[in-house]
Amino acid sequence: MSTWHDVDRYINRELVKQDAALAGVLQANESADLPMIDVSPAHGKFLMLLAQICRARRVLEIGTLGGYSSIWLAKGLQPGGRVISLEAMPKHAEVARANIRRAGFADRIEVRLAPAVETLAMMVNEGAERFDMVFIDADKANNAKYVEWALMLTRSGSIIVIDNVVRGGAVLSEDGGDPSVVGTRAAIELISSDPRLDGTAIQTVGIKGWDGFAIARVV
């Protein structure tokens, strides 16, 4: 595992080159005692590049935490673009909004405080403009539900990314004892079976241990 960390540090130094604003977000999150479960710097830049590749103007993020991934996503937006980030925890939303203001992204990121399933239902009912990209990184038990809502808020060509799908290999468990694993397996099975989606999953190792993400394109 020490080699995983060393490789991540090398990648971060050579390719990511995280700026002071993003480093400050992680420091602020730690000072506020938020759980240290942000995406890694390399994964953050990967999200930024995905947003750039799909020329995203609207990005939906489910799970804000302290706004670290939100800012990476916003850095990949097309001019005039916007990230709508959904957060259920008041403290997390408060810290995220402060981080986003300090980083200079308040005009590009909106944090909406409420359980995500409530906000998603409201957005569908209101006929919200479709999103080009969705990043799901919230309570894993609801992963499949989030994918289903995402399908109602995207269009052909949009991409959906789900974080933490390998869970140190726990995704193989079929006993149903861990709701996070049950929700993650349900999301993977949905991607496999729904004709509106074409996707895959990638295992990762690094400073966040052994995990991975799923990515799907809306057909």
C-alpha atoms as a PDB file:
ATOM      1  CA  MET A   1       0.000   0.000   0.000  1.00  0.00           C
ATOM      2  CA  SER A   2       2.883   2.377   0.581  1.00  0.00           C
ATOM      3  CA  THR A   3       3.749   2.010  -3.112  1.00  0.00           C
ATOM      4  CA  TRP A   4       0.158   2.953  -4.014  1.00  0.00           C
ATOM      5  CA  HIS A   5       0.570   6.148  -2.012  1.00  0.00           C
ATOM      6  CA  ASP A   6       3.963   6.882  -3.557  1.00  0.00           C
ATOM      7  CA  VAL A   7       2.550   6.483  -7.063  1.00  0.00           C
ATOM      8  CA  ASP A   8      -0.357   8.788  -6.228  1.00  0.00           C
ATOM      9  CA  ARG A   9       2.042  11.405  -4.894  1.00  0.00           C
ATOM     10  CA  TYR A  10       4.074  11.124  -8.111  1.00  0.00           C
ATOM     11  CA  ILE A  11       0.920  11.505 -10.263  1.00  0.00           C
ATOM     12  CA  ASN A  12      -0.247  14.459  -8.202  1.00  0.00           C
ATOM     13  CA  ARG A  13       3.125  16.159  -8.496  1.00  0.00           C
ATOM     14  CA  GLU A  14       3.579  15.576 -12.215  1.00  0.00           C
ATOM     15  CA  LEU A  15       0.045  15.732 -13.608  1.00  0.00           C
ATOM     16  CA  VAL A  16      -2.480  17.130 -11.138  1.00  0.00           C
ATOM     17  CA  LYS A  17      -0.615  20.134  -9.689  1.00  0.00           C
ATOM     18  CA  GLN A  18      -3.484  21.020  -7.382  1.00  0.00           C
ATOM     19  CA  ASP A  19      -3.797  24.778  -6.847  1.00  0.00           C
ATOM     20  CA  ALA A  20      -3.820  26.579  -3.501  1.00  0.00           C
ATOM     21  CA  ALA A  21      -7.603  27.027  -3.520  1.00  0.00           C
ATOM     22  CA  LEU A  22      -8.250  23.292  -3.772  1.00  0.00           C
ATOM     23  CA  ALA A  23      -5.625  22.495  -1.147  1.00  0.00           C
ATOM     24  CA  GLY A  24      -7.329  25.055   1.079  1.00  0.00           C
ATOM     25  CA  VAL A  25     -10.651  23.253   0.694  1.00  0.00           C
ATOM     26  CA  LEU A  26      -9.168  20.028   2.054  1.00  0.00           C
ATOM     27  CA  GLN A  27      -7.599  21.914   4.953  1.00  0.00           C
ATOM     28  CA  ALA A  28     -10.900  23.635   5.740  1.00  0.00           C
ATOM     29  CA  ASN A  29     -12.754  20.324   5.619  1.00  0.00           C
ATOM     30  CA  GLU A  30     -10.299  18.777   8.058  1.00  0.00           C
ATOM     31  CA  SER A  31     -10.544  21.778  10.389  1.00  0.00           C
ATOM     32  CA  ALA A  32     -14.340  21.463  10.343  1.00  0.00           C
ATOM     33  CA  ASP A  33     -14.071  17.757  11.250  1.00  0.00           C
ATOM     34  CA  LEU A  34     -15.741  16.618   8.056  1.00  0.00           C
ATOM     35  CA  PRO A  35     -15.069  12.967   7.198  1.00  0.00           C
ATOM     36  CA  MET A  36     -11.946  12.678   5.060  1.00  0.00           C
ATOM     37  CA  ILE A  37     -13.701  10.949   2.184  1.00  0.00           C
ATOM     38  CA  ASP A  38     -13.177  13.504  -0.583  1.00  0.00           C
ATOM     39  CA  VAL A  39     -12.088  12.205  -3.955  1.00  0.00           C
ATOM     40  CA  SER A  40      -8.322  12.112  -4.393  1.00  0.00           C
ATOM     41  CA  PRO A  41      -6.648  14.986  -6.278  1.00  0.00           C
ATOM     42  CA  ALA A  42      -6.072  12.690  -9.278  1.00  0.00           C
ATOM     43  CA  HIS A  43      -9.718  11.616  -9.268  1.00  0.00           C
ATOM     44  CA  GLY A  44     -10.768  15.252  -8.967  1.00  0.00           C
ATOM     45  CA  LYS A  45      -8.803  16.164 -12.066  1.00  0.00           C
ATOM     46  CA  PHE A  46     -10.240  13.118 -13.822  1.00  0.00           C
ATOM     47  CA  LEU A  47     -13.738  14.497 -13.148  1.00  0.00           C
ATOM     48  CA  MET A  48     -12.663  17.874 -14.497  1.00  0.00           C
ATOM     49  CA  LEU A  49     -11.344  16.263 -17.670  1.00  0.00           C
ATOM     50  CA  LEU A  50     -14.541  14.245 -18.113  1.00  0.00           C
ATOM     51  CA  ALA A  51     -16.569  17.446 -17.886  1.00  0.00           C
ATOM     52  CA  GLN A  52     -14.295  19.027 -20.488  1.00  0.00           C
ATOM     53  CA  ILE A  53     -14.419  15.991 -22.785  1.00  0.00           C
ATOM     54  CA  CYS A  54     -18.219  15.954 -22.829  1.00  0.00           C
ATOM     55  CA  ARG A  55     -18.280  19.762 -23.071  1.00  0.00           C
ATOM     56  CA  ALA A  56     -20.537  19.935 -20.039  1.00  0.00           C
ATOM     57  CA  ARG A  57     -22.551  23.048 -19.467  1.00  0.00           C
ATOM     58  CA  ARG A  58     -24.695  21.552 -16.708  1.00  0.00           C
ATOM     59  CA  VAL A  59     -23.371  19.087 -14.123  1.00  0.00           C
ATOM     60  CA  LEU A  60     -25.361  17.431 -11.344  1.00  0.00           C
ATOM     61  CA  GLU A  61     -23.461  16.255  -8.282  1.00  0.00           C
ATOM     62  CA  ILE A  62     -25.194  14.061  -5.702  1.00  0.00           C
ATOM     63  CA  GLY A  63     -23.221  14.415  -2.463  1.00  0.00           C
ATOM     64  CA  THR A  64     -21.330  17.674  -1.863  1.00  0.00           C
ATOM     65  CA  LEU A  65     -19.399  17.017   1.366  1.00  0.00           C
ATOM     66  CA  GLY A  66     -17.077  20.049   1.575  1.00  0.00           C
ATOM     67  CA  GLY A  67     -17.214  21.038  -2.080  1.00  0.00           C
ATOM     68  CA  TYR A  68     -13.842  19.654  -3.177  1.00  0.00           C
ATOM     69  CA  SER A  69     -15.175  17.556  -6.067  1.00  0.00           C
ATOM     70  CA  SER A  70     -17.720  20.297  -6.841  1.00  0.00           C
ATOM     71  CA  ILE A  71     -14.893  22.734  -7.567  1.00  0.00           C
ATOM     72  CA  TRP A  72     -13.021  20.238  -9.733  1.00  0.00           C
ATOM     73  CA  LEU A  73     -16.213  19.672 -11.739  1.00  0.00           C
ATOM     74  CA  ALA A  74     -16.782  23.427 -12.071  1.00  0.00           C
ATOM     75  CA  LYS A  75     -13.254  23.854 -13.423  1.00  0.00           C
ATOM     76  CA  GLY A  76     -14.272  21.629 -16.354  1.00  0.00           C
ATOM     77  CA  LEU A  77     -17.445  23.517 -17.277  1.00  0.00           C
ATOM     78  CA  GLN A  78     -18.035  25.276 -20.541  1.00  0.00           C
ATOM     79  CA  PRO A  79     -18.306  29.087 -20.276  1.00  0.00           C
ATOM     80  CA  GLY A  80     -21.504  30.019 -18.484  1.00  0.00           C
ATOM     81  CA  GLY A  81     -21.904  26.491 -17.120  1.00  0.00           C
ATOM     82  CA  ARG A  82     -23.160  25.487 -13.706  1.00  0.00           C
ATOM     83  CA  VAL A  83     -22.807  22.681 -11.156  1.00  0.00           C
ATOM     84  CA  ILE A  84     -25.868  21.848  -9.057  1.00  0.00           C
ATOM     85  CA  SER A  85     -24.684  19.921  -5.996  1.00  0.00           C
ATOM     86  CA  LEU A  86     -27.081  18.154  -3.614  1.00  0.00           C
ATOM     87  CA  GLU A  87     -26.238  17.746   0.073  1.00  0.00           C
ATOM     88  CA  ALA A  88     -28.350  16.345   2.922  1.00  0.00           C
ATOM     89  CA  MET A  89     -26.178  17.415   5.872  1.00  0.00           C
ATOM     90  CA  PRO A  90     -26.484  21.079   6.996  1.00  0.00           C
ATOM     91  CA  LYS A  91     -22.917  21.265   8.327  1.00  0.00           C
ATOM     92  CA  HIS A  92     -21.473  19.846   5.131  1.00  0.00           C
ATOM     93  CA  ALA A  93     -23.461  22.323   3.035  1.00  0.00           C
ATOM     94  CA  GLU A  94     -22.331  25.239   5.212  1.00  0.00           C
ATOM     95  CA  VAL A  95     -18.656  24.274   4.940  1.00  0.00           C
ATOM     96  CA  ALA A  96     -18.985  23.638   1.203  1.00  0.00           C
ATOM     97  CA  ARG A  97     -20.587  27.009   0.501  1.00  0.00           C
ATOM     98  CA  ALA A  98     -17.826  28.785   2.425  1.00  0.00           C
ATOM     99  CA  ASN A  99     -15.156  26.805   0.561  1.00  0.00           C
ATOM    100  CA  ILE A 100     -16.780  27.531  -2.783  1.00  0.00           C
ATOM    101  CA  ARG A 101     -16.941  31.273  -2.050  1.00  0.00           C
ATOM    102  CA  ARG A 102     -13.292  31.407  -0.959  1.00  0.00           C
ATOM    103  CA  ALA A 103     -12.224  29.490  -4.071  1.00  0.00           C
ATOM    104  CA  GLY A 104     -14.065  31.967  -6.312  1.00  0.00           C
ATOM    105  CA  PHE A 105     -16.662  29.530  -7.710  1.00  0.00           C
ATOM    106  CA  ALA A 106     -19.865  30.845  -6.135  1.00  0.00           C
ATOM    107  CA  ASP A 107     -21.124  31.935  -9.556  1.00  0.00           C
ATOM    108  CA  ARG A 108     -20.704  28.419 -10.969  1.00  0.00           C
ATOM    109  CA  ILE A 109     -21.744  26.102  -8.119  1.00  0.00           C
ATOM    110  CA  GLU A 110     -25.083  25.959  -6.325  1.00  0.00           C
ATOM    111  CA  VAL A 111     -25.419  23.765  -3.226  1.00  0.00           C
ATOM    112  CA  ARG A 112     -28.972  22.633  -2.498  1.00  0.00           C
ATOM    113  CA  LEU A 113     -29.626  21.413   1.035  1.00  0.00           C
ATOM    114  CA  ALA A 114     -32.147  18.567   1.392  1.00  0.00           C
ATOM    115  CA  PRO A 115     -32.197  14.767   1.050  1.00  0.00           C
ATOM    116  CA  ALA A 116     -31.175  14.149  -2.554  1.00  0.00           C
ATOM    117  CA  VAL A 117     -34.215  12.027  -3.392  1.00  0.00           C
ATOM    118  CA  GLU A 118     -36.456  14.986  -2.456  1.00  0.00           C
ATOM    119  CA  THR A 119     -34.475  17.488  -4.519  1.00  0.00           C
ATOM    120  CA  LEU A 120     -34.265  15.127  -7.485  1.00  0.00           C
ATOM    121  CA  ALA A 121     -38.013  14.546  -7.446  1.00  0.00           C
ATOM    122  CA  MET A 122     -38.599  18.299  -7.328  1.00  0.00           C
ATOM    123  CA  MET A 123     -36.249  18.872 -10.258  1.00  0.00           C
ATOM    124  CA  VAL A 124     -38.024  16.250 -12.359  1.00  0.00           C
ATOM    125  CA  ASN A 125     -41.450  17.638 -11.480  1.00  0.00           C
ATOM    126  CA  GLU A 126     -40.308  21.155 -12.383  1.00  0.00           C
ATOM    127  CA  GLY A 127     -38.963  19.983 -15.741  1.00  0.00           C
ATOM    128  CA  ALA A 128     -35.381  21.004 -14.964  1.00  0.00           C
ATOM    129  CA  GLU A 129     -33.030  21.497 -17.893  1.00  0.00           C
ATOM    130  CA  ARG A 130     -31.155  18.292 -18.714  1.00  0.00           C
ATOM    131  CA  PHE A 131     -27.653  17.653 -17.384  1.00  0.00           C
ATOM    132  CA  ASP A 132     -24.638  16.702 -19.461  1.00  0.00           C
ATOM    133  CA  MET A 133     -22.902  14.905 -16.598  1.00  0.00           C
ATOM    134  CA  VAL A 134     -23.931  13.422 -13.239  1.00  0.00           C
ATOM    135  CA  PHE A 135     -21.509  12.504 -10.446  1.00  0.00           C
ATOM    136  CA  ILE A 136     -22.999  10.262  -7.736  1.00  0.00           C
ATOM    137  CA  ASP A 137     -21.049  10.208  -4.476  1.00  0.00           C
ATOM    138  CA  ALA A 138     -23.574  10.160  -1.632  1.00  0.00           C
ATOM    139  CA  ASP A 139     -25.168   7.464   0.555  1.00  0.00           C
ATOM    140  CA  LYS A 140     -24.377   4.286  -1.306  1.00  0.00           C
ATOM    141  CA  ALA A 141     -27.545   2.466  -0.264  1.00  0.00           C
ATOM    142  CA  ASN A 142     -29.474   4.723  -2.650  1.00  0.00           C
ATOM    143  CA  ASN A 143     -27.084   4.414  -5.607  1.00  0.00           C
ATOM    144  CA  ALA A 144     -29.571   2.639  -7.870  1.00  0.00           C
ATOM    145  CA  LYS A 145     -32.289   5.179  -7.038  1.00  0.00           C
ATOM    146  CA  TYR A 146     -29.884   7.984  -7.889  1.00  0.00           C
ATOM    147  CA  VAL A 147     -29.128   6.401 -11.259  1.00  0.00           C
ATOM    148  CA  GLU A 148     -32.847   6.119 -11.970  1.00  0.00           C
ATOM    149  CA  TRP A 149     -33.369   9.802 -11.133  1.00  0.00           C
ATOM    150  CA  ALA A 150     -30.298  10.724 -13.171  1.00  0.00           C
ATOM    151  CA  LEU A 151     -31.837   9.030 -16.199  1.00  0.00           C
ATOM    152  CA  MET A 152     -34.834  11.341 -15.860  1.00  0.00           C
ATOM    153  CA  LEU A 153     -32.571  14.394 -15.764  1.00  0.00           C
ATOM    154  CA  THR A 154     -30.137  13.596 -18.577  1.00  0.00           C
ATOM    155  CA  ARG A 155     -30.256  13.094 -22.348  1.00  0.00           C
ATOM    156  CA  SER A 156     -28.630  10.875 -24.937  1.00  0.00           C
ATOM    157  CA  GLY A 157     -24.876  11.371 -24.703  1.00  0.00           C
ATOM    158  CA  SER A 158     -24.838  12.412 -21.038  1.00  0.00           C
ATOM    159  CA  ILE A 159     -22.495  10.527 -18.714  1.00  0.00           C
ATOM    160  CA  ILE A 160     -23.128   9.218 -15.205  1.00  0.00           C
ATOM    161  CA  VAL A 161     -20.256   8.465 -12.819  1.00  0.00           C
ATOM    162  CA  ILE A 162     -20.728   6.551  -9.553  1.00  0.00           C
ATOM    163  CA  ASP A 163     -17.915   6.631  -7.013  1.00  0.00           C
ATOM    164  CA  ASN A 164     -16.800   3.956  -4.532  1.00  0.00           C
ATOM    165  CA  VAL A 165     -18.230   0.917  -6.289  1.00  0.00           C
ATOM    166  CA  VAL A 166     -15.492  -1.607  -5.445  1.00  0.00           C
ATOM    167  CA  ARG A 167     -15.319  -0.910  -1.708  1.00  0.00           C
ATOM    168  CA  GLY A 168     -12.173  -2.914  -1.041  1.00  0.00           C
ATOM    169  CA  GLY A 169     -13.678  -5.894  -2.858  1.00  0.00           C
ATOM    170  CA  ALA A 170     -16.860  -5.897  -0.764  1.00  0.00           C
ATOM    171  CA  VAL A 171     -18.884  -5.437  -3.966  1.00  0.00           C
ATOM    172  CA  LEU A 172     -18.534  -9.205  -4.432  1.00  0.00           C
ATOM    173  CA  SER A 173     -20.596  -9.894  -1.311  1.00  0.00           C
ATOM    174  CA  GLU A 174     -24.061 -11.282  -1.999  1.00  0.00           C
ATOM    175  CA  ASP A 175     -25.224 -11.721   1.613  1.00  0.00           C
ATOM    176  CA  GLY A 176     -27.051  -8.392   1.769  1.00  0.00           C
ATOM    177  CA  GLY A 177     -25.549  -7.469   5.131  1.00  0.00           C
ATOM    178  CA  ASP A 178     -24.155  -4.080   4.094  1.00  0.00           C
ATOM    179  CA  PRO A 179     -26.696  -1.606   2.646  1.00  0.00           C
ATOM    180  CA  SER A 180     -23.911   0.265   0.849  1.00  0.00           C
ATOM    181  CA  VAL A 181     -22.883  -2.901  -0.984  1.00  0.00           C
ATOM    182  CA  VAL A 182     -26.512  -3.784  -1.744  1.00  0.00           C
ATOM    183  CA  GLY A 183     -27.102  -0.321  -3.213  1.00  0.00           C
ATOM    184  CA  THR A 184     -23.900  -0.391  -5.203  1.00  0.00           C
ATOM    185  CA  ARG A 185     -24.594  -3.839  -6.665  1.00  0.00           C
ATOM    186  CA  ALA A 186     -28.120  -2.690  -7.567  1.00  0.00           C
ATOM    187  CA  ALA A 187     -26.670   0.298  -9.426  1.00  0.00           C
ATOM    188  CA  ILE A 188     -24.218  -1.885 -11.336  1.00  0.00           C
ATOM    189  CA  GLU A 189     -26.983  -4.333 -12.219  1.00  0.00           C
ATOM    190  CA  LEU A 190     -29.141  -1.431 -13.395  1.00  0.00           C
ATOM    191  CA  ILE A 191     -26.384  -0.193 -15.697  1.00  0.00           C
ATOM    192  CA  SER A 192     -26.016  -3.743 -17.022  1.00  0.00           C
ATOM    193  CA  SER A 193     -29.711  -4.319 -17.664  1.00  0.00           C
ATOM    194  CA  ASP A 194     -31.147  -0.939 -18.663  1.00  0.00           C
ATOM    195  CA  PRO A 195     -31.041  -0.465 -22.460  1.00  0.00           C
ATOM    196  CA  ARG A 196     -30.711   3.294 -21.930  1.00  0.00           C
ATOM    197  CA  LEU A 197     -27.242   2.852 -20.420  1.00  0.00           C
ATOM    198  CA  ASP A 198     -23.915   1.516 -21.623  1.00  0.00           C
ATOM    199  CA  GLY A 199     -21.219   1.396 -18.984  1.00  0.00           C
ATOM    200  CA  THR A 200     -18.287  -0.194 -17.247  1.00  0.00           C
ATOM    201  CA  ALA A 201     -16.417   0.014 -13.945  1.00  0.00           C
ATOM    202  CA  ILE A 202     -12.744   0.567 -13.189  1.00  0.00           C
ATOM    203  CA  GLN A 203     -10.854  -0.558 -10.087  1.00  0.00           C
ATOM    204  CA  THR A 204      -8.476   1.954  -8.527  1.00  0.00           C
ATOM    205  CA  VAL A 205      -5.758   1.913  -5.873  1.00  0.00           C
ATOM    206  CA  GLY A 206      -3.964   4.830  -4.252  1.00  0.00           C
ATOM    207  CA  ILE A 207      -4.212   7.149  -1.271  1.00  0.00           C
ATOM    208  CA  LYS A 208      -7.881   6.168  -0.934  1.00  0.00           C
ATOM    209  CA  GLY A 209      -7.059   2.470  -0.784  1.00  0.00           C
ATOM    210  CA  TRP A 210      -8.683  -0.118  -3.041  1.00  0.00           C
ATOM    211  CA  ASP A 211     -11.876   1.099  -4.648  1.00  0.00           C
ATOM    212  CA  GLY A 212     -13.180   2.125  -8.056  1.00  0.00           C
ATOM    213  CA  PHE A 213     -15.877   3.908 -10.000  1.00  0.00           C
ATOM    214  CA  ALA A 214     -18.553   3.054 -12.542  1.00  0.00           C
ATOM    215  CA  ILE A 215     -19.165   5.176 -15.604  1.00  0.00           C
ATOM    216  CA  ALA A 216     -22.097   4.954 -17.987  1.00  0.00           C
ATOM    217  CA  ARG A 217     -23.215   6.783 -21.107  1.00  0.00           C
ATOM    218  CA  VAL A 218     -26.886   7.500 -21.685  1.00  0.00           C
ATOM    219  CA  VAL A 219     -27.658   5.907 -25.044  1.00  0.00           C
END
